[in-house]
Amino acid sequence: NDNGAQQPSIVDREKEWVNMVEGIALLFDQALPIHLLFEEERAQYGSLRRQILAQRRIAAYNGQLEAMKVDGINGSETNAGADKNGGQPATEKSAA
């Protein structure tokens, strides 16, 4: 092809495919409860959806707790003099 137009790179094409697939998944997620389920199935779908959201919130909360524990362990070593110096980490002047 000698018209001067560059072919998209493999990385660009892969990103385009990922974006397209994510868009299709989003469309499906939005269409499912409204257009793709029978009336009787919608209540069950709603119940399952609430359970999944609750599990995600619990997992996110537990992840935050774990991060706080790790930060607390690491932070206690780096800010050992903070309480003695008005909340500021110890420096050579303030530690002396």
PDB file of N, CA and C in Angstrom:
ATOM      1  N   ASN A   1       0.851  -1.175   0.000  1.00  0.00           N
ATOM      2  CA  ASN A   1       0.000   0.000   0.000  1.00  0.00           C
ATOM      3  C   ASN A   1       0.895   1.236   0.000  1.00  0.00           C
ATOM      4  N   ASP A   2       0.967   1.964  -1.097  1.00  0.00           N
ATOM      5  CA  ASP A   2       1.868   3.101  -1.243  1.00  0.00           C
ATOM      6  C   ASP A   2       1.179   4.443  -1.103  1.00  0.00           C
ATOM      7  N   ASN A   3       0.037   4.506  -0.450  1.00  0.00           N
ATOM      8  CA  ASN A   3      -0.670   5.778  -0.327  1.00  0.00           C
ATOM      9  C   ASN A   3      -0.203   6.604   0.869  1.00  0.00           C
ATOM     10  N   GLY A   4       0.842   6.173   1.563  1.00  0.00           N
ATOM     11  CA  GLY A   4       1.396   6.942   2.663  1.00  0.00           C
ATOM     12  C   GLY A   4       0.731   6.682   4.002  1.00  0.00           C
ATOM     13  N   ALA A   5      -0.367   5.963   4.044  1.00  0.00           N
ATOM     14  CA  ALA A   5      -1.045   5.675   5.306  1.00  0.00           C
ATOM     15  C   ALA A   5      -0.344   4.519   6.000  1.00  0.00           C
ATOM     16  N   GLN A   6      -0.049   4.718   7.280  1.00  0.00           N
ATOM     17  CA  GLN A   6       0.596   3.655   8.056  1.00  0.00           C
ATOM     18  C   GLN A   6      -0.438   2.679   8.565  1.00  0.00           C
ATOM     19  N   GLN A   7      -0.053   1.427   8.595  1.00  0.00           N
ATOM     20  CA  GLN A   7      -0.903   0.396   9.188  1.00  0.00           C
ATOM     21  C   GLN A   7      -0.807   0.526  10.707  1.00  0.00           C
ATOM     22  N   PRO A   8      -1.921   0.325  11.415  1.00  0.00           N
ATOM     23  CA  PRO A   8      -1.850   0.383  12.883  1.00  0.00           C
ATOM     24  C   PRO A   8      -0.944  -0.729  13.407  1.00  0.00           C
ATOM     25  N   SER A   9      -0.256  -0.452  14.494  1.00  0.00           N
ATOM     26  CA  SER A   9       0.630  -1.455  15.088  1.00  0.00           C
ATOM     27  C   SER A   9      -0.206  -2.555  15.731  1.00  0.00           C
ATOM     28  N   ILE A  10       0.469  -3.629  16.039  1.00  0.00           N
ATOM     29  CA  ILE A  10      -0.212  -4.750  16.702  1.00  0.00           C
ATOM     30  C   ILE A  10      -0.768  -4.303  18.051  1.00  0.00           C
ATOM     31  N   VAL A  11      -0.009  -3.483  18.765  1.00  0.00           N
ATOM     32  CA  VAL A  11      -0.455  -2.983  20.074  1.00  0.00           C
ATOM     33  C   VAL A  11      -1.719  -2.148  19.910  1.00  0.00           C
ATOM     34  N   ASP A  12      -1.745  -1.279  18.895  1.00  0.00           N
ATOM     35  CA  ASP A  12      -2.926  -0.446  18.652  1.00  0.00           C
ATOM     36  C   ASP A  12      -4.135  -1.305  18.294  1.00  0.00           C
ATOM     37  N   ARG A  13      -3.905  -2.320  17.462  1.00  0.00           N
ATOM     38  CA  ARG A  13      -5.027  -3.199  17.095  1.00  0.00           C
ATOM     39  C   ARG A  13      -5.528  -3.987  18.299  1.00  0.00           C
ATOM     40  N   GLU A  14      -4.610  -4.420  19.153  1.00  0.00           N
ATOM     41  CA  GLU A  14      -5.012  -5.157  20.353  1.00  0.00           C
ATOM     42  C   GLU A  14      -5.831  -4.258  21.277  1.00  0.00           C
ATOM     43  N   LYS A  15      -5.394  -3.007  21.465  1.00  0.00           N
ATOM     44  CA  LYS A  15      -6.153  -2.061  22.293  1.00  0.00           C
ATOM     45  C   LYS A  15      -7.547  -1.839  21.716  1.00  0.00           C
ATOM     46  N   GLU A  16      -7.622  -1.734  20.396  1.00  0.00           N
ATOM     47  CA  GLU A  16      -8.920  -1.539  19.746  1.00  0.00           C
ATOM     48  C   GLU A  16      -9.835  -2.726  19.993  1.00  0.00           C
ATOM     49  N   TRP A  17      -9.301  -3.938  19.912  1.00  0.00           N
ATOM     50  CA  TRP A  17     -10.097  -5.137  20.175  1.00  0.00           C
ATOM     51  C   TRP A  17     -10.558  -5.164  21.638  1.00  0.00           C
ATOM     52  N   VAL A  18      -9.653  -4.839  22.551  1.00  0.00           N
ATOM     53  CA  VAL A  18     -10.009  -4.838  23.974  1.00  0.00           C
ATOM     54  C   VAL A  18     -11.130  -3.838  24.227  1.00  0.00           C
ATOM     55  N   ASN A  19     -11.008  -2.636  23.664  1.00  0.00           N
ATOM     56  CA  ASN A  19     -12.053  -1.619  23.833  1.00  0.00           C
ATOM     57  C   ASN A  19     -13.381  -2.096  23.256  1.00  0.00           C
ATOM     58  N   MET A  20     -13.335  -2.750  22.092  1.00  0.00           N
ATOM     59  CA  MET A  20     -14.560  -3.227  21.468  1.00  0.00           C
ATOM     60  C   MET A  20     -15.215  -4.320  22.327  1.00  0.00           C
ATOM     61  N   VAL A  21     -14.423  -5.246  22.826  1.00  0.00           N
ATOM     62  CA  VAL A  21     -14.960  -6.337  23.650  1.00  0.00           C
ATOM     63  C   VAL A  21     -15.531  -5.785  24.956  1.00  0.00           C
ATOM     64  N   GLU A  22     -14.832  -4.815  25.564  1.00  0.00           N
ATOM     65  CA  GLU A  22     -15.353  -4.206  26.790  1.00  0.00           C
ATOM     66  C   GLU A  22     -16.677  -3.484  26.517  1.00  0.00           C
ATOM     67  N   GLY A  23     -16.781  -2.854  25.351  1.00  0.00           N
ATOM     68  CA  GLY A  23     -18.030  -2.186  24.978  1.00  0.00           C
ATOM     69  C   GLY A  23     -19.173  -3.163  24.797  1.00  0.00           C
ATOM     70  N   ILE A  24     -18.883  -4.291  24.166  1.00  0.00           N
ATOM     71  CA  ILE A  24     -19.913  -5.324  23.978  1.00  0.00           C
ATOM     72  C   ILE A  24     -20.345  -5.888  25.326  1.00  0.00           C
ATOM     73  N   ALA A  25     -19.378  -6.118  26.221  1.00  0.00           N
ATOM     74  CA  ALA A  25     -19.714  -6.631  27.557  1.00  0.00           C
ATOM     75  C   ALA A  25     -20.579  -5.631  28.315  1.00  0.00           C
ATOM     76  N   LEU A  26     -20.252  -4.343  28.211  1.00  0.00           N
ATOM     77  CA  LEU A  26     -21.047  -3.308  28.871  1.00  0.00           C
ATOM     78  C   LEU A  26     -22.467  -3.268  28.302  1.00  0.00           C
ATOM     79  N   LEU A  27     -22.577  -3.347  26.986  1.00  0.00           N
ATOM     80  CA  LEU A  27     -23.897  -3.367  26.340  1.00  0.00           C
ATOM     81  C   LEU A  27     -24.709  -4.564  26.830  1.00  0.00           C
ATOM     82  N   PHE A  28     -24.079  -5.718  26.908  1.00  0.00           N
ATOM     83  CA  PHE A  28     -24.769  -6.915  27.384  1.00  0.00           C
ATOM     84  C   PHE A  28     -25.228  -6.737  28.826  1.00  0.00           C
ATOM     85  N   ASP A  29     -24.318  -6.219  29.685  1.00  0.00           N
ATOM     86  CA  ASP A  29     -24.676  -6.008  31.091  1.00  0.00           C
ATOM     87  C   ASP A  29     -25.864  -5.063  31.241  1.00  0.00           C
ATOM     88  N   GLN A  30     -25.925  -4.052  30.384  1.00  0.00           N
ATOM     89  CA  GLN A  30     -27.028  -3.096  30.464  1.00  0.00           C
ATOM     90  C   GLN A  30     -28.310  -3.659  29.862  1.00  0.00           C
ATOM     91  N   ALA A  31     -28.188  -4.464  28.813  1.00  0.00           N
ATOM     92  CA  ALA A  31     -29.371  -4.989  28.134  1.00  0.00           C
ATOM     93  C   ALA A  31     -29.971  -6.196  28.850  1.00  0.00           C
ATOM     94  N   LEU A  32     -29.152  -6.949  29.552  1.00  0.00           N
ATOM     95  CA  LEU A  32     -29.620  -8.191  30.172  1.00  0.00           C
ATOM     96  C   LEU A  32     -30.850  -8.003  31.055  1.00  0.00           C
ATOM     97  N   PRO A  33     -30.804  -7.144  32.069  1.00  0.00           N
ATOM     98  CA  PRO A  33     -31.973  -7.079  32.954  1.00  0.00           C
ATOM     99  C   PRO A  33     -33.204  -6.448  32.295  1.00  0.00           C
ATOM    100  N   ILE A  34     -33.012  -5.683  31.243  1.00  0.00           N
ATOM    101  CA  ILE A  34     -34.133  -4.965  30.632  1.00  0.00           C
ATOM    102  C   ILE A  34     -34.736  -5.714  29.453  1.00  0.00           C
ATOM    103  N   HIS A  35     -33.875  -6.215  28.574  1.00  0.00           N
ATOM    104  CA  HIS A  35     -34.360  -6.752  27.306  1.00  0.00           C
ATOM    105  C   HIS A  35     -34.169  -8.257  27.133  1.00  0.00           C
ATOM    106  N   LEU A  36     -33.260  -8.863  27.871  1.00  0.00           N
ATOM    107  CA  LEU A  36     -32.899 -10.252  27.583  1.00  0.00           C
ATOM    108  C   LEU A  36     -33.442 -11.263  28.586  1.00  0.00           C
ATOM    109  N   LEU A  37     -34.027 -10.813  29.663  1.00  0.00           N
ATOM    110  CA  LEU A  37     -34.583 -11.739  30.651  1.00  0.00           C
ATOM    111  C   LEU A  37     -36.109 -11.717  30.617  1.00  0.00           C
ATOM    112  N   PHE A  38     -36.674 -12.879  30.912  1.00  0.00           N
ATOM    113  CA  PHE A  38     -38.121 -12.934  31.090  1.00  0.00           C
ATOM    114  C   PHE A  38     -38.466 -12.258  32.411  1.00  0.00           C
ATOM    115  N   GLU A  39     -39.681 -11.827  32.555  1.00  0.00           N
ATOM    116  CA  GLU A  39     -40.140 -11.132  33.760  1.00  0.00           C
ATOM    117  C   GLU A  39     -39.820 -11.935  35.023  1.00  0.00           C
ATOM    118  N   GLU A  40     -40.043 -13.254  34.968  1.00  0.00           N
ATOM    119  CA  GLU A  40     -39.820 -14.111  36.135  1.00  0.00           C
ATOM    120  C   GLU A  40     -38.342 -14.180  36.511  1.00  0.00           C
ATOM    121  N   GLU A  41     -37.452 -13.994  35.550  1.00  0.00           N
ATOM    122  CA  GLU A  41     -36.021 -14.099  35.800  1.00  0.00           C
ATOM    123  C   GLU A  41     -35.430 -12.806  36.376  1.00  0.00           C
ATOM    124  N   ARG A  42     -36.119 -11.724  36.224  1.00  0.00           N
ATOM    125  CA  ARG A  42     -35.571 -10.424  36.632  1.00  0.00           C
ATOM    126  C   ARG A  42     -35.373 -10.317  38.141  1.00  0.00           C
ATOM    127  N   ALA A  43     -36.294 -10.870  38.928  1.00  0.00           N
ATOM    128  CA  ALA A  43     -36.151 -10.831  40.392  1.00  0.00           C
ATOM    129  C   ALA A  43     -34.925 -11.632  40.824  1.00  0.00           C
ATOM    130  N   GLN A  44     -34.736 -12.802  40.228  1.00  0.00           N
ATOM    131  CA  GLN A  44     -33.574 -13.625  40.550  1.00  0.00           C
ATOM    132  C   GLN A  44     -32.284 -12.907  40.151  1.00  0.00           C
ATOM    133  N   TYR A  45     -32.289 -12.284  38.995  1.00  0.00           N
ATOM    134  CA  TYR A  45     -31.129 -11.528  38.541  1.00  0.00           C
ATOM    135  C   TYR A  45     -30.809 -10.393  39.524  1.00  0.00           C
ATOM    136  N   GLY A  46     -31.828  -9.674  39.950  1.00  0.00           N
ATOM    137  CA  GLY A  46     -31.629  -8.582  40.900  1.00  0.00           C
ATOM    138  C   GLY A  46     -31.032  -9.073  42.204  1.00  0.00           C
ATOM    139  N   SER A  47     -31.513 -10.200  42.689  1.00  0.00           N
ATOM    140  CA  SER A  47     -30.999 -10.771  43.928  1.00  0.00           C
ATOM    141  C   SER A  47     -29.532 -11.176  43.774  1.00  0.00           C
ATOM    142  N   LEU A  48     -29.200 -11.841  42.699  1.00  0.00           N
ATOM    143  CA  LEU A  48     -27.818 -12.256  42.453  1.00  0.00           C
ATOM    144  C   LEU A  48     -26.906 -11.043  42.291  1.00  0.00           C
ATOM    145  N   ARG A  49     -27.400 -10.031  41.608  1.00  0.00           N
ATOM    146  CA  ARG A  49     -26.612  -8.816  41.383  1.00  0.00           C
ATOM    147  C   ARG A  49     -26.293  -8.131  42.720  1.00  0.00           C
ATOM    148  N   ARG A  50     -27.274  -8.055  43.619  1.00  0.00           N
ATOM    149  CA  ARG A  50     -27.046  -7.462  44.942  1.00  0.00           C
ATOM    150  C   ARG A  50     -26.023  -8.271  45.739  1.00  0.00           C
ATOM    151  N   GLN A  51     -26.094  -9.609  45.650  1.00  0.00           N
ATOM    152  CA  GLN A  51     -25.134 -10.461  46.353  1.00  0.00           C
ATOM    153  C   GLN A  51     -23.717 -10.219  45.835  1.00  0.00           C
ATOM    154  N   ILE A  52     -23.582 -10.135  44.526  1.00  0.00           N
ATOM    155  CA  ILE A  52     -22.261  -9.912  43.922  1.00  0.00           C
ATOM    156  C   ILE A  52     -21.703  -8.562  44.345  1.00  0.00           C
ATOM    157  N   LEU A  53     -22.538  -7.528  44.320  1.00  0.00           N
ATOM    158  CA  LEU A  53     -22.085  -6.192  44.726  1.00  0.00           C
ATOM    159  C   LEU A  53     -21.673  -6.171  46.193  1.00  0.00           C
ATOM    160  N   ALA A  54     -22.417  -6.867  47.042  1.00  0.00           N
ATOM    161  CA  ALA A  54     -22.074  -6.931  48.461  1.00  0.00           C
ATOM    162  C   ALA A  54     -20.735  -7.647  48.657  1.00  0.00           C
ATOM    163  N   GLN A  55     -20.518  -8.730  47.920  1.00  0.00           N
ATOM    164  CA  GLN A  55     -19.250  -9.455  48.015  1.00  0.00           C
ATOM    165  C   GLN A  55     -18.084  -8.581  47.560  1.00  0.00           C
ATOM    166  N   ARG A  56     -18.298  -7.796  46.504  1.00  0.00           N
ATOM    167  CA  ARG A  56     -17.240  -6.901  46.025  1.00  0.00           C
ATOM    168  C   ARG A  56     -16.920  -5.832  47.066  1.00  0.00           C
ATOM    169  N   ARG A  57     -17.958  -5.286  47.711  1.00  0.00           N
ATOM    170  CA  ARG A  57     -17.721  -4.273  48.745  1.00  0.00           C
ATOM    171  C   ARG A  57     -16.934  -4.870  49.909  1.00  0.00           C
ATOM    172  N   ILE A  58     -17.290  -6.082  50.308  1.00  0.00           N
ATOM    173  CA  ILE A  58     -16.589  -6.749  51.414  1.00  0.00           C
ATOM    174  C   ILE A  58     -15.139  -7.005  51.024  1.00  0.00           C
ATOM    175  N   ALA A  59     -14.901  -7.475  49.804  1.00  0.00           N
ATOM    176  CA  ALA A  59     -13.533  -7.740  49.351  1.00  0.00           C
ATOM    177  C   ALA A  59     -12.724  -6.447  49.294  1.00  0.00           C
ATOM    178  N   ALA A  60     -13.335  -5.369  48.823  1.00  0.00           N
ATOM    179  CA  ALA A  60     -12.631  -4.079  48.761  1.00  0.00           C
ATOM    180  C   ALA A  60     -12.310  -3.591  50.168  1.00  0.00           C
ATOM    181  N   TYR A  61     -13.252  -3.729  51.087  1.00  0.00           N
ATOM    182  CA  TYR A  61     -13.035  -3.318  52.481  1.00  0.00           C
ATOM    183  C   TYR A  61     -11.899  -4.130  53.100  1.00  0.00           C
ATOM    184  N   ASN A  62     -11.915  -5.458  52.878  1.00  0.00           N
ATOM    185  CA  ASN A  62     -10.857  -6.307  53.420  1.00  0.00           C
ATOM    186  C   ASN A  62      -9.505  -5.940  52.819  1.00  0.00           C
ATOM    187  N   GLY A  63      -9.487  -5.599  51.538  1.00  0.00           N
ATOM    188  CA  GLY A  63      -8.250  -5.169  50.899  1.00  0.00           C
ATOM    189  C   GLY A  63      -7.721  -3.886  51.502  1.00  0.00           C
ATOM    190  N   GLN A  64      -8.624  -2.964  51.820  1.00  0.00           N
ATOM    191  CA  GLN A  64      -8.204  -1.714  52.458  1.00  0.00           C
ATOM    192  C   GLN A  64      -7.647  -1.976  53.849  1.00  0.00           C
ATOM    193  N   LEU A  65      -8.275  -2.885  54.578  1.00  0.00           N
ATOM    194  CA  LEU A  65      -7.775  -3.219  55.913  1.00  0.00           C
ATOM    195  C   LEU A  65      -6.372  -3.807  55.833  1.00  0.00           C
ATOM    196  N   GLU A  66      -6.163  -4.709  54.872  1.00  0.00           N
ATOM    197  CA  GLU A  66      -4.842  -5.313  54.705  1.00  0.00           C
ATOM    198  C   GLU A  66      -3.814  -4.253  54.356  1.00  0.00           C
ATOM    199  N   ALA A  67      -4.171  -3.323  53.465  1.00  0.00           N
ATOM    200  CA  ALA A  67      -3.247  -2.256  53.084  1.00  0.00           C
ATOM    201  C   ALA A  67      -2.915  -1.381  54.283  1.00  0.00           C
ATOM    202  N   MET A  68      -3.911  -1.116  55.126  1.00  0.00           N
ATOM    203  CA  MET A  68      -3.676  -0.296  56.312  1.00  0.00           C
ATOM    204  C   MET A  68      -2.745  -1.019  57.282  1.00  0.00           C
ATOM    205  N   LYS A  69      -2.911  -2.339  57.412  1.00  0.00           N
ATOM    206  CA  LYS A  69      -2.043  -3.106  58.308  1.00  0.00           C
ATOM    207  C   LYS A  69      -0.609  -3.057  57.813  1.00  0.00           C
ATOM    208  N   VAL A  70      -0.418  -3.247  56.504  1.00  0.00           N
ATOM    209  CA  VAL A  70       0.925  -3.212  55.927  1.00  0.00           C
ATOM    210  C   VAL A  70       1.523  -1.824  56.084  1.00  0.00           C
ATOM    211  N   ASP A  71       0.748  -0.783  55.775  1.00  0.00           N
ATOM    212  CA  ASP A  71       1.229   0.589  55.937  1.00  0.00           C
ATOM    213  C   ASP A  71       1.556   0.873  57.396  1.00  0.00           C
ATOM    214  N   GLY A  72       0.751   0.362  58.298  1.00  0.00           N
ATOM    215  CA  GLY A  72       0.991   0.578  59.720  1.00  0.00           C
ATOM    216  C   GLY A  72       2.283  -0.055  60.178  1.00  0.00           C
ATOM    217  N   ILE A  73       2.572  -1.241  59.673  1.00  0.00           N
ATOM    218  CA  ILE A  73       3.816  -1.923  60.040  1.00  0.00           C
ATOM    219  C   ILE A  73       5.000  -1.167  59.462  1.00  0.00           C
ATOM    220  N   ASN A  74       4.935  -0.843  58.179  1.00  0.00           N
ATOM    221  CA  ASN A  74       6.037  -0.123  57.542  1.00  0.00           C
ATOM    222  C   ASN A  74       6.138   1.300  58.060  1.00  0.00           C
ATOM    223  N   GLY A  75       5.003   1.957  58.293  1.00  0.00           N
ATOM    224  CA  GLY A  75       4.988   3.339  58.740  1.00  0.00           C
ATOM    225  C   GLY A  75       5.531   3.502  60.145  1.00  0.00           C
ATOM    226  N   SER A  76       5.384   2.475  60.992  1.00  0.00           N
ATOM    227  CA  SER A  76       5.852   2.599  62.367  1.00  0.00           C
ATOM    228  C   SER A  76       7.369   2.678  62.426  1.00  0.00           C
ATOM    229  N   GLU A  77       8.048   2.082  61.448  1.00  0.00           N
ATOM    230  CA  GLU A  77       9.510   2.135  61.432  1.00  0.00           C
ATOM    231  C   GLU A  77       9.990   3.476  60.895  1.00  0.00           C
ATOM    232  N   THR A  78       9.347   4.017  59.863  1.00  0.00           N
ATOM    233  CA  THR A  78       9.821   5.243  59.238  1.00  0.00           C
ATOM    234  C   THR A  78       9.409   6.476  60.003  1.00  0.00           C
ATOM    235  N   ASN A  79       8.377   6.414  60.813  1.00  0.00           N
ATOM    236  CA  ASN A  79       7.906   7.568  61.570  1.00  0.00           C
ATOM    237  C   ASN A  79       8.047   7.339  63.072  1.00  0.00           C
ATOM    238  N   ALA A  80       9.114   6.691  63.465  1.00  0.00           N
ATOM    239  CA  ALA A  80       9.275   6.353  64.880  1.00  0.00           C
ATOM    240  C   ALA A  80       9.317   7.583  65.763  1.00  0.00           C
ATOM    241  N   GLY A  81       9.875   8.697  65.284  1.00  0.00           N
ATOM    242  CA  GLY A  81       9.969   9.893  66.100  1.00  0.00           C
ATOM    243  C   GLY A  81       8.843  10.869  65.885  1.00  0.00           C
ATOM    244  N   ALA A  82       7.839  10.526  65.149  1.00  0.00           N
ATOM    245  CA  ALA A  82       6.778  11.463  64.776  1.00  0.00           C
ATOM    246  C   ALA A  82       5.985  11.938  65.983  1.00  0.00           C
ATOM    247  N   ASP A  83       5.721  11.057  66.942  1.00  0.00           N
ATOM    248  CA  ASP A  83       4.905  11.460  68.087  1.00  0.00           C
ATOM    249  C   ASP A  83       5.631  12.462  68.977  1.00  0.00           C
ATOM    250  N   LYS A  84       6.937  12.396  69.044  1.00  0.00           N
ATOM    251  CA  LYS A  84       7.709  13.288  69.898  1.00  0.00           C
ATOM    252  C   LYS A  84       7.883  14.662  69.265  1.00  0.00           C
ATOM    253  N   ASN A  85       7.653  14.770  67.965  1.00  0.00           N
ATOM    254  CA  ASN A  85       7.939  16.002  67.238  1.00  0.00           C
ATOM    255  C   ASN A  85       6.685  16.618  66.639  1.00  0.00           C
ATOM    256  N   GLY A  86       5.603  16.573  67.353  1.00  0.00           N
ATOM    257  CA  GLY A  86       4.376  17.191  66.869  1.00  0.00           C
ATOM    258  C   GLY A  86       3.851  16.584  65.581  1.00  0.00           C
ATOM    259  N   GLY A  87       4.008  15.279  65.410  1.00  0.00           N
ATOM    260  CA  GLY A  87       3.498  14.613  64.221  1.00  0.00           C
ATOM    261  C   GLY A  87       4.460  14.617  63.053  1.00  0.00           C
ATOM    262  N   GLN A  88       5.634  15.240  63.206  1.00  0.00           N
ATOM    263  CA  GLN A  88       6.632  15.288  62.146  1.00  0.00           C
ATOM    264  C   GLN A  88       7.659  14.189  62.378  1.00  0.00           C
ATOM    265  N   PRO A  89       8.159  13.582  61.279  1.00  0.00           N
ATOM    266  CA  PRO A  89       9.213  12.560  61.438  1.00  0.00           C
ATOM    267  C   PRO A  89      10.436  13.162  62.106  1.00  0.00           C
ATOM    268  N   ALA A  90      11.162  12.328  62.804  1.00  0.00           N
ATOM    269  CA  ALA A  90      12.373  12.782  63.502  1.00  0.00           C
ATOM    270  C   ALA A  90      13.417  13.229  62.492  1.00  0.00           C
ATOM    271  N   THR A  91      14.095  14.339  62.793  1.00  0.00           N
ATOM    272  CA  THR A  91      15.211  14.826  61.993  1.00  0.00           C
ATOM    273  C   THR A  91      16.428  14.846  62.892  1.00  0.00           C
ATOM    274  N   GLU A  92      17.585  15.162  62.318  1.00  0.00           N
ATOM    275  CA  GLU A  92      18.803  15.188  63.134  1.00  0.00           C
ATOM    276  C   GLU A  92      18.677  16.245  64.238  1.00  0.00           C
ATOM    277  N   LYS A  93      18.124  17.425  63.935  1.00  0.00           N
ATOM    278  CA  LYS A  93      17.968  18.484  64.932  1.00  0.00           C
ATOM    279  C   LYS A  93      16.996  18.055  66.039  1.00  0.00           C
ATOM    280  N   SER A  94      15.816  17.584  65.627  1.00  0.00           N
ATOM    281  CA  SER A  94      14.798  17.272  66.613  1.00  0.00           C
ATOM    282  C   SER A  94      15.125  16.019  67.387  1.00  0.00           C
ATOM    283  N   ALA A  95      15.908  15.105  66.795  1.00  0.00           N
ATOM    284  CA  ALA A  95      16.245  13.878  67.481  1.00  0.00           C
ATOM    285  C   ALA A  95      17.342  14.136  68.521  1.00  0.00           C
ATOM    286  N   ALA A  96      18.121  15.195  68.352  1.00  0.00           N
ATOM    287  CA  ALA A  96      19.256  15.459  69.236  1.00  0.00           C
ATOM    288  C   ALA A  96      18.851  16.072  70.553  1.00  0.00           C
TER     289      ALA A  96
END
